[in-house]
Amino acid sequence: MEYKVVWHHSHPLQIIPHHRQIPPASIYIVLTVNVRYITTASADPFFSQRTLCFRLNLLQSPRRLNEVLAPKLAELRVDTSSAAYEGVLQDIIQCGFRTVRRILDRGYSFQALQLLSDMLVGLEPMTDEETLMSRALAESRRELENNNYGMAGATESSVKKMVKRVKVEDGEKEECMVCLEELSVGFEASQMPCSHLFHCGCIERWLKQSHYCPICRFEMPTN
């Protein structure tokens, strides 16, 4: 059983300025997809989320974006063969390029742009259910807006208790997956309970808006 996209909206979530000029070819997109289900079946999921990371130039082609997005949505049983899904691809592409142009035109530079794509999906409605579906869609849209589009931040107390400050050791060379900059050996980093490392400021800002680890989706406590 697949769910049809009945509403979607994409917008920038967070921009982390960079201290040096970054060529557009080196800019990354961190795309978080929120899928909200309109369903009466108790066994069906109510809300699901996936995060993808790819270079900006992938947005130049709906086909290339589809190659990385479709498998993720297939995991969530979203129909990727419909015209509505094509609209999702175009919405993400236009949002990404529009935001990048606006930032670069202002003289700012950044390594990673975080985008949020929200979707409401449901089973194909019958003709006599159109009114009920419209009402459910409107209510779900209002609830998404009132709840920060499904992005629940981690509690401040859990961040203080569970996220540790550690020194990046030699041999642990890796990137912070929030800003996609290297974690330098000898510098202090924040370590999630799942052991993944991030720049302290990056993960603090991330956890104010999302309670998931950007890499493995480990869940931090929420209010």
N, C-alpha and C. Protein backbone atom coordinates (compact mmCIF):
# COMPACT_ATOMS: atom_id res chain seq x y z
N MET A 1 0.83 -1.19 0.00
CA MET A 1 0.00 0.00 0.00
C MET A 1 0.88 1.25 0.00
N GLU A 2 0.63 2.16 -0.96
CA GLU A 2 1.41 3.38 -1.04
C GLU A 2 0.53 4.60 -0.74
N TYR A 3 1.16 5.62 -0.19
CA TYR A 3 0.46 6.86 0.13
C TYR A 3 0.75 7.92 -0.91
N LYS A 4 -0.29 8.67 -1.27
CA LYS A 4 -0.17 9.75 -2.26
C LYS A 4 0.17 11.06 -1.55
N VAL A 5 1.03 11.86 -2.18
CA VAL A 5 1.33 13.20 -1.66
C VAL A 5 0.12 14.09 -1.91
N VAL A 6 -0.43 14.69 -0.84
CA VAL A 6 -1.58 15.57 -0.99
C VAL A 6 -1.24 17.03 -0.68
N TRP A 7 -0.10 17.27 -0.07
CA TRP A 7 0.36 18.63 0.21
C TRP A 7 1.85 18.58 0.50
N HIS A 8 2.58 19.62 0.07
CA HIS A 8 4.02 19.65 0.37
C HIS A 8 4.48 21.09 0.41
N HIS A 9 5.56 21.32 1.15
CA HIS A 9 6.13 22.66 1.27
C HIS A 9 7.59 22.53 1.68
N SER A 10 8.47 23.27 1.01
CA SER A 10 9.90 23.24 1.32
C SER A 10 10.37 24.63 1.72
N HIS A 11 11.26 24.70 2.70
CA HIS A 11 11.80 25.98 3.12
C HIS A 11 13.14 25.76 3.81
N PRO A 12 14.01 26.80 3.83
CA PRO A 12 15.30 26.66 4.52
C PRO A 12 15.09 26.54 6.01
N LEU A 13 15.90 25.69 6.64
CA LEU A 13 15.76 25.47 8.08
C LEU A 13 16.83 26.19 8.87
N GLN A 14 18.07 26.07 8.44
CA GLN A 14 19.17 26.68 9.19
C GLN A 14 20.34 26.94 8.25
N ILE A 15 20.97 28.09 8.39
CA ILE A 15 22.13 28.46 7.58
C ILE A 15 23.29 28.75 8.51
N ILE A 16 24.42 28.09 8.30
CA ILE A 16 25.60 28.30 9.13
C ILE A 16 26.63 29.06 8.31
N PRO A 17 26.83 30.36 8.57
CA PRO A 17 27.79 31.15 7.78
C PRO A 17 29.20 30.59 7.91
N HIS A 18 29.99 30.79 6.86
CA HIS A 18 31.36 30.29 6.84
C HIS A 18 32.33 31.46 6.79
N HIS A 19 33.53 31.26 7.33
CA HIS A 19 34.49 32.35 7.43
C HIS A 19 35.24 32.61 6.13
N ARG A 20 35.13 31.74 5.15
CA ARG A 20 35.82 31.98 3.87
C ARG A 20 34.86 31.70 2.72
N GLN A 21 35.22 32.22 1.57
CA GLN A 21 34.38 32.05 0.39
C GLN A 21 34.36 30.58 -0.04
N ILE A 22 33.17 30.07 -0.26
CA ILE A 22 32.99 28.68 -0.68
C ILE A 22 32.43 28.67 -2.10
N PRO A 23 33.08 28.03 -3.05
CA PRO A 23 32.53 27.96 -4.41
C PRO A 23 31.23 27.17 -4.41
N PRO A 24 30.25 27.56 -5.23
CA PRO A 24 28.96 26.85 -5.27
C PRO A 24 29.09 25.35 -5.45
N ALA A 25 30.10 24.91 -6.21
CA ALA A 25 30.27 23.46 -6.44
C ALA A 25 30.60 22.70 -5.17
N SER A 26 31.04 23.41 -4.12
CA SER A 26 31.42 22.76 -2.87
C SER A 26 30.35 22.89 -1.79
N ILE A 27 29.22 23.52 -2.13
CA ILE A 27 28.14 23.69 -1.15
C ILE A 27 27.34 22.39 -1.05
N TYR A 28 26.99 22.03 0.17
CA TYR A 28 26.19 20.84 0.43
C TYR A 28 24.77 21.23 0.82
N ILE A 29 23.83 20.37 0.48
CA ILE A 29 22.45 20.49 0.93
C ILE A 29 22.19 19.38 1.95
N VAL A 30 21.70 19.76 3.12
CA VAL A 30 21.25 18.78 4.12
C VAL A 30 19.73 18.86 4.14
N LEU A 31 19.09 17.89 3.54
CA LEU A 31 17.63 17.90 3.35
C LEU A 31 16.95 16.97 4.36
N THR A 32 16.09 17.54 5.19
CA THR A 32 15.29 16.75 6.12
C THR A 32 13.86 16.68 5.57
N VAL A 33 13.36 15.46 5.42
CA VAL A 33 12.02 15.24 4.87
C VAL A 33 11.10 14.76 6.00
N ASN A 34 10.07 15.52 6.26
CA ASN A 34 9.04 15.14 7.23
C ASN A 34 7.82 14.62 6.49
N VAL A 35 7.38 13.42 6.82
CA VAL A 35 6.19 12.84 6.19
C VAL A 35 5.13 12.63 7.25
N ARG A 36 4.01 13.28 7.08
CA ARG A 36 2.88 13.18 8.00
C ARG A 36 1.76 12.41 7.30
N TYR A 37 1.22 11.38 7.96
CA TYR A 37 0.24 10.50 7.35
C TYR A 37 -1.19 10.87 7.77
N ILE A 38 -2.07 10.98 6.77
CA ILE A 38 -3.50 11.14 7.03
C ILE A 38 -4.12 9.76 6.86
N THR A 39 -4.46 9.12 7.95
CA THR A 39 -4.93 7.74 7.88
C THR A 39 -5.81 7.44 9.08
N THR A 40 -6.70 6.47 8.91
CA THR A 40 -7.55 6.03 10.01
C THR A 40 -7.12 4.67 10.54
N ALA A 41 -6.09 4.09 9.93
CA ALA A 41 -5.61 2.77 10.37
C ALA A 41 -4.63 2.94 11.52
N SER A 42 -4.95 2.36 12.67
CA SER A 42 -4.11 2.54 13.85
C SER A 42 -2.73 1.93 13.69
N ALA A 43 -2.60 0.95 12.79
CA ALA A 43 -1.29 0.29 12.60
C ALA A 43 -0.34 1.12 11.74
N ASP A 44 -0.88 2.13 11.06
CA ASP A 44 -0.04 2.95 10.18
C ASP A 44 0.73 3.99 10.98
N PRO A 45 1.89 4.39 10.49
CA PRO A 45 2.67 5.42 11.19
C PRO A 45 1.97 6.76 11.12
N PHE A 46 2.23 7.62 12.10
CA PHE A 46 1.65 8.95 12.13
C PHE A 46 2.62 9.97 11.56
N PHE A 47 3.91 9.77 11.81
CA PHE A 47 4.92 10.72 11.38
C PHE A 47 6.24 9.99 11.17
N SER A 48 6.95 10.31 10.06
CA SER A 48 8.26 9.73 9.80
C SER A 48 9.18 10.82 9.28
N GLN A 49 10.49 10.59 9.42
CA GLN A 49 11.47 11.60 9.03
C GLN A 49 12.71 10.92 8.47
N ARG A 50 13.28 11.52 7.43
CA ARG A 50 14.54 11.07 6.85
C ARG A 50 15.41 12.29 6.56
N THR A 51 16.74 12.13 6.65
CA THR A 51 17.69 13.21 6.35
C THR A 51 18.68 12.73 5.30
N LEU A 52 18.91 13.56 4.27
CA LEU A 52 19.84 13.25 3.20
C LEU A 52 20.86 14.38 3.10
N CYS A 53 22.05 14.05 2.63
CA CYS A 53 23.11 15.04 2.43
C CYS A 53 23.70 14.84 1.04
N PHE A 54 23.74 15.92 0.25
CA PHE A 54 24.27 15.83 -1.10
C PHE A 54 24.77 17.20 -1.55
N ARG A 55 25.54 17.24 -2.63
CA ARG A 55 26.09 18.50 -3.14
C ARG A 55 24.99 19.30 -3.86
N LEU A 56 25.18 20.62 -3.84
CA LEU A 56 24.21 21.53 -4.44
C LEU A 56 23.95 21.22 -5.91
N ASN A 57 24.99 20.82 -6.65
CA ASN A 57 24.80 20.62 -8.09
C ASN A 57 23.85 19.48 -8.41
N LEU A 58 23.52 18.63 -7.44
CA LEU A 58 22.55 17.58 -7.68
C LEU A 58 21.16 18.17 -7.95
N LEU A 59 20.90 19.39 -7.43
CA LEU A 59 19.61 20.03 -7.64
C LEU A 59 19.42 20.53 -9.07
N GLN A 60 20.46 20.43 -9.89
CA GLN A 60 20.34 20.88 -11.27
C GLN A 60 19.46 19.96 -12.11
N SER A 61 19.16 18.78 -11.58
CA SER A 61 18.40 17.81 -12.36
C SER A 61 17.37 17.10 -11.48
N PRO A 62 16.06 17.18 -11.82
CA PRO A 62 15.05 16.41 -11.07
C PRO A 62 15.35 14.92 -11.08
N ARG A 63 15.94 14.42 -12.19
CA ARG A 63 16.24 12.99 -12.27
C ARG A 63 17.27 12.59 -11.22
N ARG A 64 18.32 13.41 -11.07
CA ARG A 64 19.38 13.08 -10.11
C ARG A 64 18.86 13.21 -8.67
N LEU A 65 18.05 14.23 -8.42
CA LEU A 65 17.47 14.36 -7.09
C LEU A 65 16.57 13.17 -6.78
N ASN A 66 15.81 12.73 -7.77
CA ASN A 66 14.93 11.59 -7.59
C ASN A 66 15.71 10.33 -7.23
N GLU A 67 16.90 10.18 -7.79
CA GLU A 67 17.70 8.98 -7.54
C GLU A 67 18.08 8.84 -6.07
N VAL A 68 18.24 9.96 -5.35
CA VAL A 68 18.59 9.86 -3.94
C VAL A 68 17.37 9.98 -3.03
N LEU A 69 16.32 10.69 -3.51
CA LEU A 69 15.14 10.91 -2.67
C LEU A 69 14.14 9.76 -2.73
N ALA A 70 13.92 9.22 -3.91
CA ALA A 70 12.90 8.18 -4.09
C ALA A 70 13.12 6.95 -3.19
N PRO A 71 14.36 6.42 -3.09
CA PRO A 71 14.55 5.26 -2.21
C PRO A 71 14.18 5.54 -0.75
N LYS A 72 14.47 6.77 -0.28
CA LYS A 72 14.12 7.12 1.10
C LYS A 72 12.61 7.17 1.28
N LEU A 73 11.91 7.76 0.31
CA LEU A 73 10.46 7.85 0.42
C LEU A 73 9.80 6.49 0.23
N ALA A 74 10.43 5.63 -0.57
CA ALA A 74 9.90 4.28 -0.74
C ALA A 74 9.90 3.53 0.58
N GLU A 75 10.92 3.78 1.42
CA GLU A 75 10.96 3.17 2.75
C GLU A 75 9.75 3.59 3.58
N LEU A 76 9.22 4.78 3.29
CA LEU A 76 8.08 5.32 4.04
C LEU A 76 6.76 5.07 3.33
N ARG A 77 6.79 4.27 2.26
CA ARG A 77 5.61 3.89 1.48
C ARG A 77 4.93 5.09 0.81
N VAL A 78 5.74 6.04 0.37
CA VAL A 78 5.20 7.20 -0.36
C VAL A 78 5.29 6.91 -1.86
N ASP A 79 4.20 7.15 -2.58
CA ASP A 79 4.15 6.91 -4.02
C ASP A 79 5.02 7.94 -4.74
N THR A 80 6.04 7.48 -5.46
CA THR A 80 6.95 8.38 -6.17
C THR A 80 6.72 8.36 -7.68
N SER A 81 5.55 7.87 -8.11
CA SER A 81 5.26 7.80 -9.54
C SER A 81 4.20 8.82 -9.96
N SER A 82 3.71 9.61 -9.02
CA SER A 82 2.61 10.53 -9.31
C SER A 82 3.11 11.91 -9.71
N ALA A 83 2.19 12.69 -10.30
CA ALA A 83 2.50 14.08 -10.65
C ALA A 83 2.76 14.91 -9.40
N ALA A 84 2.08 14.57 -8.30
CA ALA A 84 2.29 15.31 -7.05
C ALA A 84 3.71 15.15 -6.55
N TYR A 85 4.29 13.97 -6.71
CA TYR A 85 5.68 13.75 -6.31
C TYR A 85 6.63 14.56 -7.18
N GLU A 86 6.33 14.68 -8.48
CA GLU A 86 7.14 15.53 -9.35
C GLU A 86 7.13 16.97 -8.84
N GLY A 87 5.98 17.38 -8.28
CA GLY A 87 5.90 18.71 -7.70
C GLY A 87 6.79 18.85 -6.48
N VAL A 88 6.94 17.78 -5.72
CA VAL A 88 7.84 17.80 -4.56
C VAL A 88 9.28 18.05 -5.01
N LEU A 89 9.70 17.33 -6.05
CA LEU A 89 11.07 17.51 -6.58
C LEU A 89 11.30 18.95 -7.03
N GLN A 90 10.35 19.50 -7.78
CA GLN A 90 10.51 20.87 -8.27
C GLN A 90 10.51 21.87 -7.12
N ASP A 91 9.71 21.61 -6.10
CA ASP A 91 9.64 22.51 -4.94
C ASP A 91 10.98 22.55 -4.21
N ILE A 92 11.59 21.38 -4.01
CA ILE A 92 12.89 21.30 -3.33
C ILE A 92 13.97 22.00 -4.15
N ILE A 93 13.96 21.75 -5.46
CA ILE A 93 14.96 22.36 -6.34
C ILE A 93 14.84 23.88 -6.33
N GLN A 94 13.64 24.39 -6.50
CA GLN A 94 13.43 25.84 -6.54
C GLN A 94 13.77 26.49 -5.20
N CYS A 95 13.39 25.84 -4.11
CA CYS A 95 13.68 26.37 -2.78
C CYS A 95 15.19 26.43 -2.56
N GLY A 96 15.90 25.36 -2.94
CA GLY A 96 17.34 25.31 -2.74
C GLY A 96 18.07 26.39 -3.51
N PHE A 97 17.81 26.49 -4.81
CA PHE A 97 18.50 27.49 -5.62
C PHE A 97 18.10 28.91 -5.26
N ARG A 98 16.82 29.12 -4.94
CA ARG A 98 16.37 30.46 -4.56
C ARG A 98 17.07 30.94 -3.29
N THR A 99 17.18 30.04 -2.32
CA THR A 99 17.83 30.39 -1.06
C THR A 99 19.32 30.64 -1.24
N VAL A 100 19.98 29.79 -2.03
CA VAL A 100 21.42 29.95 -2.28
C VAL A 100 21.69 31.28 -2.97
N ARG A 101 20.91 31.59 -3.99
CA ARG A 101 21.12 32.85 -4.71
C ARG A 101 20.93 34.05 -3.79
N ARG A 102 19.90 34.00 -2.94
CA ARG A 102 19.63 35.12 -2.03
C ARG A 102 20.79 35.33 -1.06
N ILE A 103 21.35 34.24 -0.54
CA ILE A 103 22.45 34.35 0.43
C ILE A 103 23.72 34.85 -0.24
N LEU A 104 24.06 34.27 -1.41
CA LEU A 104 25.29 34.66 -2.10
C LEU A 104 25.20 36.10 -2.60
N ASP A 105 24.01 36.53 -3.02
CA ASP A 105 23.84 37.91 -3.49
C ASP A 105 24.08 38.92 -2.37
N ARG A 106 23.89 38.50 -1.13
CA ARG A 106 24.11 39.39 0.01
C ARG A 106 25.56 39.38 0.48
N GLY A 107 26.41 38.60 -0.20
CA GLY A 107 27.82 38.58 0.15
C GLY A 107 28.20 37.60 1.23
N TYR A 108 27.26 36.74 1.63
CA TYR A 108 27.55 35.74 2.64
C TYR A 108 28.07 34.46 1.99
N SER A 109 28.74 33.63 2.78
CA SER A 109 29.24 32.36 2.30
C SER A 109 28.89 31.27 3.31
N PHE A 110 28.72 30.06 2.85
CA PHE A 110 28.38 28.96 3.75
C PHE A 110 28.75 27.64 3.08
N GLN A 111 28.95 26.63 3.90
CA GLN A 111 29.31 25.30 3.39
C GLN A 111 28.10 24.40 3.24
N ALA A 112 27.11 24.56 4.13
CA ALA A 112 25.96 23.67 4.11
C ALA A 112 24.67 24.46 4.28
N LEU A 113 23.67 24.10 3.49
CA LEU A 113 22.34 24.70 3.58
C LEU A 113 21.37 23.62 4.02
N GLN A 114 20.68 23.85 5.12
CA GLN A 114 19.71 22.88 5.62
C GLN A 114 18.32 23.25 5.13
N LEU A 115 17.70 22.32 4.42
CA LEU A 115 16.35 22.49 3.91
C LEU A 115 15.41 21.52 4.59
N LEU A 116 14.17 21.96 4.76
CA LEU A 116 13.13 21.11 5.34
C LEU A 116 12.02 20.96 4.32
N SER A 117 11.65 19.73 4.00
CA SER A 117 10.55 19.46 3.08
C SER A 117 9.46 18.72 3.85
N ASP A 118 8.32 19.37 3.99
CA ASP A 118 7.18 18.78 4.71
C ASP A 118 6.18 18.21 3.72
N MET A 119 5.66 17.04 4.04
CA MET A 119 4.65 16.41 3.19
C MET A 119 3.51 15.85 4.03
N LEU A 120 2.31 16.00 3.51
CA LEU A 120 1.16 15.28 4.02
C LEU A 120 0.81 14.23 2.98
N VAL A 121 0.65 12.99 3.40
CA VAL A 121 0.34 11.91 2.47
C VAL A 121 -0.87 11.14 2.97
N GLY A 122 -1.62 10.58 2.02
CA GLY A 122 -2.80 9.81 2.38
C GLY A 122 -3.13 8.82 1.29
N LEU A 123 -4.03 7.91 1.60
CA LEU A 123 -4.49 6.96 0.59
C LEU A 123 -5.38 7.69 -0.40
N GLU A 124 -5.48 7.18 -1.61
CA GLU A 124 -6.27 7.82 -2.66
C GLU A 124 -7.71 7.99 -2.17
N PRO A 125 -8.20 9.24 -2.04
CA PRO A 125 -9.55 9.44 -1.50
C PRO A 125 -10.64 9.06 -2.49
N MET A 126 -11.76 8.55 -1.97
CA MET A 126 -12.95 8.30 -2.78
C MET A 126 -13.68 9.62 -2.98
N THR A 127 -14.52 9.71 -3.99
CA THR A 127 -15.21 10.96 -4.32
C THR A 127 -16.03 11.47 -3.16
N ASP A 128 -16.74 10.58 -2.46
CA ASP A 128 -17.61 11.03 -1.37
C ASP A 128 -16.83 11.32 -0.09
N GLU A 129 -15.50 11.21 -0.13
CA GLU A 129 -14.68 11.50 1.04
C GLU A 129 -13.89 12.79 0.88
N GLU A 130 -14.12 13.52 -0.22
CA GLU A 130 -13.31 14.70 -0.51
C GLU A 130 -13.43 15.75 0.59
N THR A 131 -14.64 15.96 1.11
CA THR A 131 -14.83 16.96 2.16
C THR A 131 -14.07 16.57 3.41
N LEU A 132 -14.16 15.29 3.79
CA LEU A 132 -13.46 14.80 4.97
C LEU A 132 -11.95 14.94 4.80
N MET A 133 -11.45 14.62 3.61
CA MET A 133 -10.02 14.72 3.35
C MET A 133 -9.55 16.18 3.42
N SER A 134 -10.34 17.09 2.85
CA SER A 134 -9.98 18.51 2.88
C SER A 134 -9.91 19.02 4.31
N ARG A 135 -10.86 18.60 5.12
CA ARG A 135 -10.87 19.02 6.52
C ARG A 135 -9.66 18.46 7.26
N ALA A 136 -9.35 17.18 7.03
CA ALA A 136 -8.18 16.57 7.69
C ALA A 136 -6.89 17.24 7.24
N LEU A 137 -6.84 17.59 5.95
CA LEU A 137 -5.65 18.26 5.42
C LEU A 137 -5.44 19.61 6.08
N ALA A 138 -6.52 20.39 6.20
CA ALA A 138 -6.42 21.72 6.82
C ALA A 138 -6.01 21.61 8.28
N GLU A 139 -6.60 20.65 9.00
CA GLU A 139 -6.26 20.48 10.41
C GLU A 139 -4.82 20.03 10.57
N SER A 140 -4.37 19.12 9.72
CA SER A 140 -3.00 18.63 9.81
C SER A 140 -2.00 19.74 9.48
N ARG A 141 -2.35 20.58 8.50
CA ARG A 141 -1.46 21.68 8.13
C ARG A 141 -1.30 22.66 9.28
N ARG A 142 -2.42 22.99 9.94
CA ARG A 142 -2.36 23.90 11.09
C ARG A 142 -1.55 23.30 12.21
N GLU A 143 -1.72 22.00 12.43
CA GLU A 143 -0.99 21.35 13.52
C GLU A 143 0.50 21.31 13.22
N LEU A 144 0.87 21.08 11.95
CA LEU A 144 2.28 21.10 11.58
C LEU A 144 2.89 22.46 11.85
N GLU A 145 2.18 23.53 11.47
CA GLU A 145 2.70 24.88 11.68
C GLU A 145 2.85 25.19 13.16
N ASN A 146 1.85 24.77 13.95
CA ASN A 146 1.89 25.05 15.39
C ASN A 146 2.96 24.25 16.11
N ASN A 147 3.40 23.16 15.50
CA ASN A 147 4.40 22.30 16.14
C ASN A 147 5.73 22.33 15.41
N ASN A 148 6.07 23.51 14.86
CA ASN A 148 7.38 23.70 14.22
C ASN A 148 7.63 22.68 13.13
N TYR A 149 6.57 22.36 12.35
CA TYR A 149 6.65 21.42 11.23
C TYR A 149 7.20 20.07 11.67
N GLY A 150 6.83 19.64 12.86
CA GLY A 150 7.24 18.32 13.33
C GLY A 150 8.64 18.25 13.89
N MET A 151 9.35 19.37 13.92
CA MET A 151 10.73 19.37 14.40
C MET A 151 10.74 19.67 15.90
N ALA A 152 10.76 18.64 16.71
CA ALA A 152 10.78 18.82 18.16
C ALA A 152 12.22 18.82 18.65
N GLY A 153 12.61 19.89 19.33
CA GLY A 153 13.97 19.97 19.85
C GLY A 153 14.16 19.13 21.09
N ALA A 154 15.40 18.81 21.39
CA ALA A 154 15.73 18.07 22.60
C ALA A 154 15.61 18.99 23.82
N THR A 155 15.31 18.42 24.97
CA THR A 155 15.22 19.23 26.18
C THR A 155 16.60 19.75 26.57
N GLU A 156 16.63 20.94 27.13
CA GLU A 156 17.90 21.54 27.52
C GLU A 156 18.60 20.69 28.57
N SER A 157 17.81 20.10 29.48
CA SER A 157 18.42 19.28 30.54
C SER A 157 19.06 18.01 29.96
N SER A 158 18.43 17.41 28.94
CA SER A 158 19.00 16.20 28.35
C SER A 158 20.28 16.51 27.57
N VAL A 159 20.32 17.68 26.92
CA VAL A 159 21.53 18.08 26.20
C VAL A 159 22.69 18.25 27.18
N LYS A 160 22.43 18.92 28.30
CA LYS A 160 23.48 19.13 29.29
C LYS A 160 23.96 17.81 29.90
N LYS A 161 23.04 16.89 30.08
CA LYS A 161 23.37 15.62 30.75
C LYS A 161 23.98 14.58 29.80
N MET A 162 23.48 14.53 28.56
CA MET A 162 23.83 13.43 27.67
C MET A 162 24.88 13.77 26.61
N VAL A 163 25.02 15.05 26.26
CA VAL A 163 26.00 15.45 25.26
C VAL A 163 27.29 15.85 25.97
N LYS A 164 28.39 15.15 25.68
CA LYS A 164 29.64 15.36 26.40
C LYS A 164 30.64 16.17 25.56
N ARG A 165 31.47 16.94 26.23
CA ARG A 165 32.56 17.66 25.57
C ARG A 165 33.80 16.77 25.59
N VAL A 166 34.38 16.53 24.43
CA VAL A 166 35.56 15.66 24.33
C VAL A 166 36.59 16.32 23.42
N LYS A 167 37.84 15.90 23.55
CA LYS A 167 38.90 16.36 22.65
C LYS A 167 38.98 15.41 21.45
N VAL A 168 39.09 15.98 20.27
CA VAL A 168 39.23 15.16 19.06
C VAL A 168 40.65 14.60 19.04
N GLU A 169 40.74 13.27 19.08
CA GLU A 169 42.03 12.61 19.15
C GLU A 169 42.61 12.36 17.76
N ASP A 170 43.90 12.19 17.70
CA ASP A 170 44.58 11.84 16.46
C ASP A 170 44.05 10.49 15.96
N GLY A 171 43.76 10.41 14.69
CA GLY A 171 43.19 9.18 14.14
C GLY A 171 41.69 9.21 14.08
N GLU A 172 41.06 10.27 14.62
CA GLU A 172 39.60 10.39 14.60
C GLU A 172 39.15 11.43 13.56
N LYS A 173 39.94 11.65 12.54
CA LYS A 173 39.63 12.66 11.54
C LYS A 173 38.29 12.37 10.89
N GLU A 174 37.36 13.29 11.04
CA GLU A 174 36.05 13.17 10.45
C GLU A 174 35.43 14.55 10.31
N GLU A 175 34.24 14.61 9.71
CA GLU A 175 33.57 15.88 9.51
C GLU A 175 32.38 16.01 10.45
N CYS A 176 32.11 17.25 10.82
CA CYS A 176 30.86 17.57 11.52
C CYS A 176 29.77 17.53 10.47
N MET A 177 28.77 16.67 10.62
CA MET A 177 27.75 16.49 9.61
C MET A 177 26.65 17.54 9.67
N VAL A 178 26.80 18.54 10.52
CA VAL A 178 25.88 19.68 10.51
C VAL A 178 26.41 20.75 9.56
N CYS A 179 27.69 21.12 9.72
CA CYS A 179 28.27 22.16 8.86
C CYS A 179 29.18 21.58 7.78
N LEU A 180 29.49 20.27 7.88
CA LEU A 180 30.33 19.56 6.93
C LEU A 180 31.76 20.07 6.89
N GLU A 181 32.22 20.68 8.01
CA GLU A 181 33.60 21.09 8.15
C GLU A 181 34.36 20.04 8.97
N GLU A 182 35.68 19.98 8.77
CA GLU A 182 36.48 18.97 9.46
C GLU A 182 36.55 19.25 10.96
N LEU A 183 36.52 18.20 11.75
CA LEU A 183 36.75 18.28 13.19
C LEU A 183 38.25 18.17 13.42
N SER A 184 38.87 19.26 13.77
CA SER A 184 40.33 19.31 13.88
C SER A 184 40.84 18.58 15.11
N VAL A 185 41.92 17.84 14.94
CA VAL A 185 42.54 17.11 16.05
C VAL A 185 42.99 18.10 17.12
N GLY A 186 42.66 17.78 18.39
CA GLY A 186 43.06 18.62 19.51
C GLY A 186 41.99 19.61 19.93
N PHE A 187 41.01 19.85 19.06
CA PHE A 187 39.95 20.79 19.41
C PHE A 187 38.83 20.07 20.16
N GLU A 188 38.07 20.85 20.91
CA GLU A 188 36.96 20.30 21.68
C GLU A 188 35.75 20.11 20.78
N ALA A 189 35.07 18.98 20.93
CA ALA A 189 33.87 18.67 20.15
C ALA A 189 32.80 18.15 21.10
N SER A 190 31.57 18.11 20.60
CA SER A 190 30.46 17.55 21.38
C SER A 190 30.18 16.15 20.89
N GLN A 191 30.05 15.22 21.85
CA GLN A 191 29.80 13.82 21.51
C GLN A 191 28.39 13.42 21.96
N MET A 192 27.58 12.98 21.00
CA MET A 192 26.24 12.50 21.31
C MET A 192 26.33 11.15 22.02
N PRO A 193 25.26 10.72 22.69
CA PRO A 193 25.27 9.40 23.35
C PRO A 193 25.55 8.26 22.38
N CYS A 194 25.26 8.47 21.08
CA CYS A 194 25.52 7.44 20.08
C CYS A 194 26.98 7.45 19.61
N SER A 195 27.81 8.34 20.22
CA SER A 195 29.25 8.47 19.97
C SER A 195 29.61 9.34 18.76
N HIS A 196 28.67 9.85 18.03
CA HIS A 196 28.99 10.72 16.90
C HIS A 196 29.42 12.10 17.39
N LEU A 197 30.42 12.67 16.70
CA LEU A 197 31.02 13.94 17.11
C LEU A 197 30.58 15.08 16.20
N PHE A 198 30.44 16.28 16.80
CA PHE A 198 30.06 17.48 16.06
C PHE A 198 30.74 18.68 16.70
N HIS A 199 30.83 19.78 15.93
CA HIS A 199 31.25 21.03 16.55
C HIS A 199 30.24 21.39 17.64
N CYS A 200 30.72 21.92 18.74
CA CYS A 200 29.84 22.20 19.88
C CYS A 200 28.69 23.12 19.50
N GLY A 201 29.00 24.24 18.85
CA GLY A 201 27.96 25.18 18.47
C GLY A 201 26.99 24.62 17.45
N CYS A 202 27.49 23.80 16.54
CA CYS A 202 26.63 23.23 15.50
C CYS A 202 25.57 22.31 16.09
N ILE A 203 25.98 21.39 16.96
CA ILE A 203 25.02 20.43 17.48
C ILE A 203 24.08 21.09 18.49
N GLU A 204 24.55 22.13 19.17
CA GLU A 204 23.67 22.85 20.08
C GLU A 204 22.53 23.50 19.31
N ARG A 205 22.86 24.15 18.19
CA ARG A 205 21.81 24.77 17.37
C ARG A 205 20.89 23.72 16.78
N TRP A 206 21.48 22.59 16.34
CA TRP A 206 20.68 21.52 15.74
C TRP A 206 19.68 20.96 16.74
N LEU A 207 20.12 20.69 17.95
CA LEU A 207 19.26 20.05 18.95
C LEU A 207 18.17 20.98 19.49
N LYS A 208 18.30 22.27 19.23
CA LYS A 208 17.21 23.19 19.60
C LYS A 208 16.02 23.03 18.66
N GLN A 209 16.27 22.47 17.47
CA GLN A 209 15.20 22.32 16.48
C GLN A 209 14.84 20.87 16.19
N SER A 210 15.76 19.95 16.43
CA SER A 210 15.50 18.54 16.19
C SER A 210 16.14 17.71 17.29
N HIS A 211 15.43 16.66 17.72
CA HIS A 211 15.98 15.83 18.81
C HIS A 211 16.65 14.57 18.27
N TYR A 212 16.86 14.52 16.95
CA TYR A 212 17.53 13.37 16.34
C TYR A 212 19.00 13.66 16.07
N CYS A 213 19.84 12.64 16.21
CA CYS A 213 21.23 12.75 15.76
C CYS A 213 21.21 12.92 14.24
N PRO A 214 21.95 13.88 13.67
CA PRO A 214 21.93 14.09 12.22
C PRO A 214 22.45 12.91 11.41
N ILE A 215 23.16 11.99 12.07
CA ILE A 215 23.76 10.87 11.34
C ILE A 215 22.94 9.59 11.46
N CYS A 216 22.66 9.16 12.69
CA CYS A 216 22.05 7.84 12.89
C CYS A 216 20.61 7.90 13.40
N ARG A 217 20.07 9.12 13.60
CA ARG A 217 18.70 9.31 14.06
C ARG A 217 18.48 8.89 15.51
N PHE A 218 19.56 8.78 16.31
CA PHE A 218 19.41 8.54 17.75
C PHE A 218 18.50 9.62 18.32
N GLU A 219 17.54 9.21 19.16
CA GLU A 219 16.56 10.17 19.68
C GLU A 219 16.93 10.66 21.08
N MET A 220 16.98 11.98 21.22
CA MET A 220 17.15 12.61 22.51
C MET A 220 15.77 12.86 23.11
N PRO A 221 15.65 12.97 24.44
CA PRO A 221 14.35 13.24 25.06
C PRO A 221 13.78 14.59 24.63
N THR A 222 12.46 14.65 24.52
CA THR A 222 11.76 15.89 24.18
C THR A 222 10.76 16.21 25.29
N ASN A 223 10.24 17.42 25.24
CA ASN A 223 9.22 17.81 26.22
C ASN A 223 7.94 17.03 26.01
